[in-house]
């Protein structure tokens, strides 16, 4: 089973994470990571990390949690704050390359 198929199966079992979507197959990994981190529980997050891996989940989060030019992001502030610390701690290669940086 491919990663895409595993992600589709994962999100189909959790329609409460992305209730506004009918075609789960059309979702990309970034949309599933966003929905899971914003609305999922700890077990959902851990299952997602098992599918994508810590490095890929952290990469998607970091890429998509940066505010746009107008300051918008789809992650809630408390989610961004928590997972910045979480991924900096547990994505070891990233944590070793980068020192701690506070965000506004």
N, C-alpha and C. Protein backbone atom coordinates (compact mmCIF):
# COMPACT_ATOMS: atom_id res chain seq x y z
N UNK A 1 0.84 -1.17 0.00
CA UNK A 1 0.00 0.00 0.00
C UNK A 1 0.89 1.25 0.00
N UNK A 2 0.60 2.18 -0.87
CA UNK A 2 1.39 3.40 -0.96
C UNK A 2 1.06 4.35 0.20
N UNK A 3 1.91 5.33 0.37
CA UNK A 3 1.67 6.32 1.41
C UNK A 3 0.37 7.07 1.16
N UNK A 4 0.10 7.42 -0.09
CA UNK A 4 -1.14 8.11 -0.46
C UNK A 4 -2.36 7.27 -0.08
N UNK A 5 -2.30 5.97 -0.36
CA UNK A 5 -3.40 5.08 -0.02
C UNK A 5 -3.58 4.98 1.51
N UNK A 6 -2.47 4.92 2.23
CA UNK A 6 -2.54 4.86 3.69
C UNK A 6 -3.14 6.14 4.26
N UNK A 7 -2.76 7.29 3.69
CA UNK A 7 -3.33 8.56 4.15
C UNK A 7 -4.82 8.64 3.86
N UNK A 8 -5.24 8.18 2.69
CA UNK A 8 -6.66 8.19 2.35
C UNK A 8 -7.44 7.28 3.30
N UNK A 9 -6.92 6.11 3.57
CA UNK A 9 -7.56 5.19 4.51
C UNK A 9 -7.64 5.83 5.91
N UNK A 10 -6.55 6.46 6.33
CA UNK A 10 -6.47 7.14 7.62
C UNK A 10 -7.57 8.19 7.74
N UNK A 11 -7.70 9.06 6.74
CA UNK A 11 -8.65 10.17 6.84
C UNK A 11 -10.09 9.70 6.66
N UNK A 12 -10.31 8.64 5.89
CA UNK A 12 -11.67 8.09 5.74
C UNK A 12 -12.20 7.56 7.06
N UNK A 13 -11.30 7.05 7.90
CA UNK A 13 -11.70 6.55 9.22
C UNK A 13 -11.97 7.69 10.20
N UNK A 14 -11.60 8.91 9.83
CA UNK A 14 -11.72 10.06 10.72
C UNK A 14 -12.42 11.23 10.03
N UNK A 15 -13.66 11.05 9.61
CA UNK A 15 -14.35 12.15 8.90
C UNK A 15 -14.54 13.39 9.76
N UNK A 16 -14.47 13.25 11.09
CA UNK A 16 -14.62 14.39 11.99
C UNK A 16 -13.44 15.36 11.87
N UNK A 17 -12.34 14.93 11.29
CA UNK A 17 -11.17 15.81 11.13
C UNK A 17 -11.34 16.76 9.96
N UNK A 18 -12.09 16.34 8.96
CA UNK A 18 -12.17 17.12 7.73
C UNK A 18 -13.59 16.98 7.17
N UNK A 19 -14.55 17.40 7.98
CA UNK A 19 -15.98 17.20 7.72
C UNK A 19 -16.50 17.92 6.49
N UNK A 20 -15.82 18.91 5.99
CA UNK A 20 -16.29 19.70 4.86
C UNK A 20 -15.89 19.10 3.50
N UNK A 21 -15.19 17.97 3.53
CA UNK A 21 -14.70 17.34 2.30
C UNK A 21 -15.45 16.03 2.06
N UNK A 22 -15.82 15.79 0.81
CA UNK A 22 -16.49 14.53 0.44
C UNK A 22 -15.53 13.59 -0.28
N UNK A 23 -14.60 14.14 -1.03
CA UNK A 23 -13.67 13.32 -1.83
C UNK A 23 -12.32 13.24 -1.11
N UNK A 24 -12.21 12.27 -0.24
CA UNK A 24 -10.98 12.12 0.54
C UNK A 24 -9.76 11.81 -0.32
N UNK A 25 -10.00 11.15 -1.43
CA UNK A 25 -8.89 10.79 -2.33
C UNK A 25 -8.20 12.02 -2.93
N UNK A 26 -8.92 13.13 -2.99
CA UNK A 26 -8.37 14.36 -3.58
C UNK A 26 -7.49 15.14 -2.62
N UNK A 27 -7.48 14.77 -1.35
CA UNK A 27 -6.69 15.50 -0.37
C UNK A 27 -5.21 15.17 -0.49
N UNK A 28 -4.38 16.19 -0.36
CA UNK A 28 -2.94 15.94 -0.34
C UNK A 28 -2.47 15.77 1.11
N UNK A 29 -1.23 15.40 1.27
CA UNK A 29 -0.68 15.14 2.60
C UNK A 29 -0.73 16.38 3.47
N UNK A 30 -0.50 17.56 2.90
CA UNK A 30 -0.50 18.80 3.68
C UNK A 30 -1.88 19.07 4.30
N UNK A 31 -2.94 18.82 3.54
CA UNK A 31 -4.30 19.03 4.06
C UNK A 31 -4.62 18.06 5.19
N UNK A 32 -4.15 16.83 5.06
CA UNK A 32 -4.40 15.82 6.09
C UNK A 32 -3.58 16.12 7.35
N UNK A 33 -2.35 16.56 7.19
CA UNK A 33 -1.53 16.95 8.34
C UNK A 33 -2.18 18.13 9.05
N UNK A 34 -2.59 19.12 8.31
CA UNK A 34 -3.23 20.31 8.89
C UNK A 34 -4.47 19.93 9.69
N UNK A 35 -5.36 19.15 9.10
CA UNK A 35 -6.60 18.76 9.77
C UNK A 35 -6.32 17.93 11.02
N UNK A 36 -5.35 17.03 10.92
CA UNK A 36 -5.04 16.16 12.06
C UNK A 36 -4.43 16.94 13.21
N UNK A 37 -3.48 17.83 12.92
CA UNK A 37 -2.86 18.60 13.99
C UNK A 37 -3.85 19.59 14.61
N UNK A 38 -4.71 20.20 13.79
CA UNK A 38 -5.68 21.16 14.30
C UNK A 38 -6.83 20.52 15.07
N UNK A 39 -7.35 19.39 14.59
CA UNK A 39 -8.60 18.84 15.14
C UNK A 39 -8.49 17.44 15.71
N UNK A 40 -7.37 16.77 15.49
CA UNK A 40 -7.24 15.40 15.95
C UNK A 40 -6.82 15.30 17.40
N UNK A 41 -6.94 14.09 17.93
CA UNK A 41 -6.44 13.85 19.28
C UNK A 41 -5.03 13.27 19.18
N UNK A 42 -4.44 12.97 20.33
CA UNK A 42 -3.06 12.51 20.35
C UNK A 42 -2.88 11.22 19.56
N UNK A 43 -3.84 10.31 19.67
CA UNK A 43 -3.75 9.04 18.93
C UNK A 43 -3.78 9.28 17.42
N UNK A 44 -4.60 10.22 16.97
CA UNK A 44 -4.64 10.56 15.54
C UNK A 44 -3.28 11.07 15.07
N UNK A 45 -2.69 11.96 15.86
CA UNK A 45 -1.38 12.53 15.50
C UNK A 45 -0.31 11.44 15.43
N UNK A 46 -0.32 10.54 16.41
CA UNK A 46 0.69 9.48 16.43
C UNK A 46 0.51 8.52 15.25
N UNK A 47 -0.72 8.23 14.88
CA UNK A 47 -0.98 7.36 13.72
C UNK A 47 -0.51 8.04 12.44
N UNK A 48 -0.77 9.34 12.32
CA UNK A 48 -0.31 10.09 11.15
C UNK A 48 1.22 10.05 11.05
N UNK A 49 1.90 10.23 12.17
CA UNK A 49 3.36 10.19 12.18
C UNK A 49 3.87 8.80 11.79
N UNK A 50 3.16 7.76 12.18
CA UNK A 50 3.54 6.40 11.77
C UNK A 50 3.46 6.23 10.25
N UNK A 51 2.47 6.88 9.65
CA UNK A 51 2.28 6.76 8.20
C UNK A 51 3.33 7.59 7.45
N UNK A 52 3.47 8.86 7.82
CA UNK A 52 4.36 9.77 7.08
C UNK A 52 5.80 9.76 7.60
N UNK A 53 5.96 9.44 8.86
CA UNK A 53 7.26 9.57 9.48
C UNK A 53 7.40 10.93 10.13
N UNK A 54 8.21 10.99 11.17
CA UNK A 54 8.40 12.24 11.91
C UNK A 54 8.97 13.34 11.01
N UNK A 55 9.98 12.99 10.23
CA UNK A 55 10.66 13.99 9.39
C UNK A 55 9.71 14.63 8.38
N UNK A 56 8.91 13.81 7.70
CA UNK A 56 8.00 14.33 6.67
C UNK A 56 6.85 15.11 7.30
N UNK A 57 6.31 14.62 8.40
CA UNK A 57 5.23 15.34 9.08
C UNK A 57 5.74 16.70 9.55
N UNK A 58 6.92 16.73 10.14
CA UNK A 58 7.52 17.99 10.60
C UNK A 58 7.80 18.93 9.43
N UNK A 59 8.29 18.38 8.32
CA UNK A 59 8.58 19.21 7.15
C UNK A 59 7.31 19.88 6.63
N UNK A 60 6.24 19.11 6.51
CA UNK A 60 4.97 19.66 6.03
C UNK A 60 4.46 20.72 7.00
N UNK A 61 4.50 20.43 8.29
CA UNK A 61 4.05 21.39 9.29
C UNK A 61 4.85 22.69 9.18
N UNK A 62 6.16 22.60 9.15
CA UNK A 62 7.00 23.80 9.11
C UNK A 62 6.73 24.62 7.85
N UNK A 63 6.58 23.94 6.74
CA UNK A 63 6.33 24.63 5.47
C UNK A 63 4.98 25.34 5.48
N UNK A 64 3.96 24.68 5.99
CA UNK A 64 2.60 25.22 5.91
C UNK A 64 2.22 26.10 7.10
N UNK A 65 2.99 26.08 8.17
CA UNK A 65 2.63 26.90 9.33
C UNK A 65 3.23 28.29 9.28
N UNK A 66 4.07 28.55 8.30
CA UNK A 66 4.62 29.90 8.15
C UNK A 66 3.51 30.83 7.67
N UNK A 67 3.34 31.97 8.32
CA UNK A 67 2.30 32.90 7.88
C UNK A 67 2.56 33.39 6.45
N UNK A 68 1.46 33.63 5.74
CA UNK A 68 1.56 34.17 4.38
C UNK A 68 2.00 35.63 4.44
N UNK A 69 2.09 36.26 3.28
CA UNK A 69 2.51 37.66 3.22
C UNK A 69 1.56 38.57 3.99
N UNK A 70 0.30 38.17 4.09
CA UNK A 70 -0.66 38.99 4.83
C UNK A 70 -0.84 38.50 6.27
N UNK A 71 0.01 37.55 6.68
CA UNK A 71 0.02 37.09 8.06
C UNK A 71 -0.94 35.97 8.38
N UNK A 72 -1.48 35.30 7.37
CA UNK A 72 -2.48 34.25 7.58
C UNK A 72 -1.84 32.87 7.57
N UNK A 73 -2.36 32.00 8.45
CA UNK A 73 -1.99 30.60 8.46
C UNK A 73 -3.24 29.81 8.85
N UNK A 74 -3.33 28.57 8.43
CA UNK A 74 -4.50 27.74 8.75
C UNK A 74 -4.35 27.01 10.08
N UNK A 75 -3.21 27.10 10.71
CA UNK A 75 -3.01 26.47 12.00
C UNK A 75 -3.41 27.43 13.12
N UNK A 76 -4.10 26.92 14.12
CA UNK A 76 -4.45 27.74 15.27
C UNK A 76 -3.17 28.09 16.03
N UNK A 77 -3.11 29.27 16.65
CA UNK A 77 -1.87 29.71 17.32
C UNK A 77 -1.34 28.71 18.35
N UNK A 78 -2.22 28.12 19.14
CA UNK A 78 -1.75 27.18 20.16
C UNK A 78 -1.21 25.89 19.53
N UNK A 79 -1.75 25.52 18.38
CA UNK A 79 -1.26 24.33 17.66
C UNK A 79 0.12 24.62 17.09
N UNK A 80 0.28 25.79 16.49
CA UNK A 80 1.59 26.18 15.95
C UNK A 80 2.64 26.19 17.06
N UNK A 81 2.30 26.80 18.18
CA UNK A 81 3.24 26.89 19.29
C UNK A 81 3.64 25.51 19.78
N UNK A 82 2.67 24.65 20.05
CA UNK A 82 2.96 23.33 20.59
C UNK A 82 3.81 22.50 19.63
N UNK A 83 3.38 22.43 18.38
CA UNK A 83 4.09 21.56 17.44
C UNK A 83 5.43 22.11 16.99
N UNK A 84 5.66 23.41 17.11
CA UNK A 84 7.02 23.92 16.88
C UNK A 84 7.96 23.31 17.91
N UNK A 85 7.57 23.32 19.16
CA UNK A 85 8.39 22.72 20.22
C UNK A 85 8.50 21.21 20.03
N UNK A 86 7.38 20.57 19.74
CA UNK A 86 7.35 19.11 19.60
C UNK A 86 8.27 18.64 18.48
N UNK A 87 8.11 19.23 17.30
CA UNK A 87 8.93 18.79 16.17
C UNK A 87 10.39 19.19 16.34
N UNK A 88 10.66 20.31 16.97
CA UNK A 88 12.05 20.68 17.22
C UNK A 88 12.72 19.68 18.16
N UNK A 89 11.95 19.12 19.06
CA UNK A 89 12.52 18.13 19.98
C UNK A 89 12.66 16.76 19.34
N UNK A 90 11.64 16.31 18.63
CA UNK A 90 11.61 14.93 18.16
C UNK A 90 12.07 14.72 16.72
N UNK A 91 12.15 15.76 15.94
CA UNK A 91 12.76 15.66 14.62
C UNK A 91 14.24 15.98 14.84
N UNK A 92 14.98 14.99 15.28
CA UNK A 92 16.34 15.17 15.81
C UNK A 92 17.31 15.84 14.84
N UNK A 93 17.27 15.46 13.58
CA UNK A 93 18.20 16.06 12.62
C UNK A 93 17.94 17.56 12.49
N UNK A 94 16.68 17.95 12.47
CA UNK A 94 16.35 19.37 12.37
C UNK A 94 16.80 20.09 13.64
N UNK A 95 16.52 19.50 14.78
CA UNK A 95 16.86 20.12 16.06
C UNK A 95 18.37 20.33 16.19
N UNK A 96 19.16 19.40 15.66
CA UNK A 96 20.61 19.53 15.74
C UNK A 96 21.14 20.62 14.83
N UNK A 97 20.47 20.86 13.69
CA UNK A 97 20.91 21.86 12.74
C UNK A 97 20.53 23.27 13.15
N UNK A 98 19.42 23.41 13.87
CA UNK A 98 18.89 24.73 14.19
C UNK A 98 18.85 24.96 15.67
N UNK A 99 19.21 26.14 16.06
CA UNK A 99 19.12 26.49 17.47
C UNK A 99 17.69 26.95 17.76
N UNK A 100 17.36 27.02 19.01
CA UNK A 100 16.04 27.46 19.44
C UNK A 100 15.80 28.89 18.98
N UNK A 101 14.63 29.13 18.38
CA UNK A 101 14.28 30.46 17.94
C UNK A 101 12.88 30.78 18.44
N UNK A 102 12.75 31.88 19.10
CA UNK A 102 11.42 32.31 19.56
C UNK A 102 10.68 32.93 18.41
N UNK A 103 9.36 32.71 18.42
CA UNK A 103 8.52 33.35 17.42
C UNK A 103 7.62 34.36 18.12
N UNK A 104 7.23 35.35 17.37
CA UNK A 104 6.39 36.41 17.95
C UNK A 104 4.99 35.92 18.19
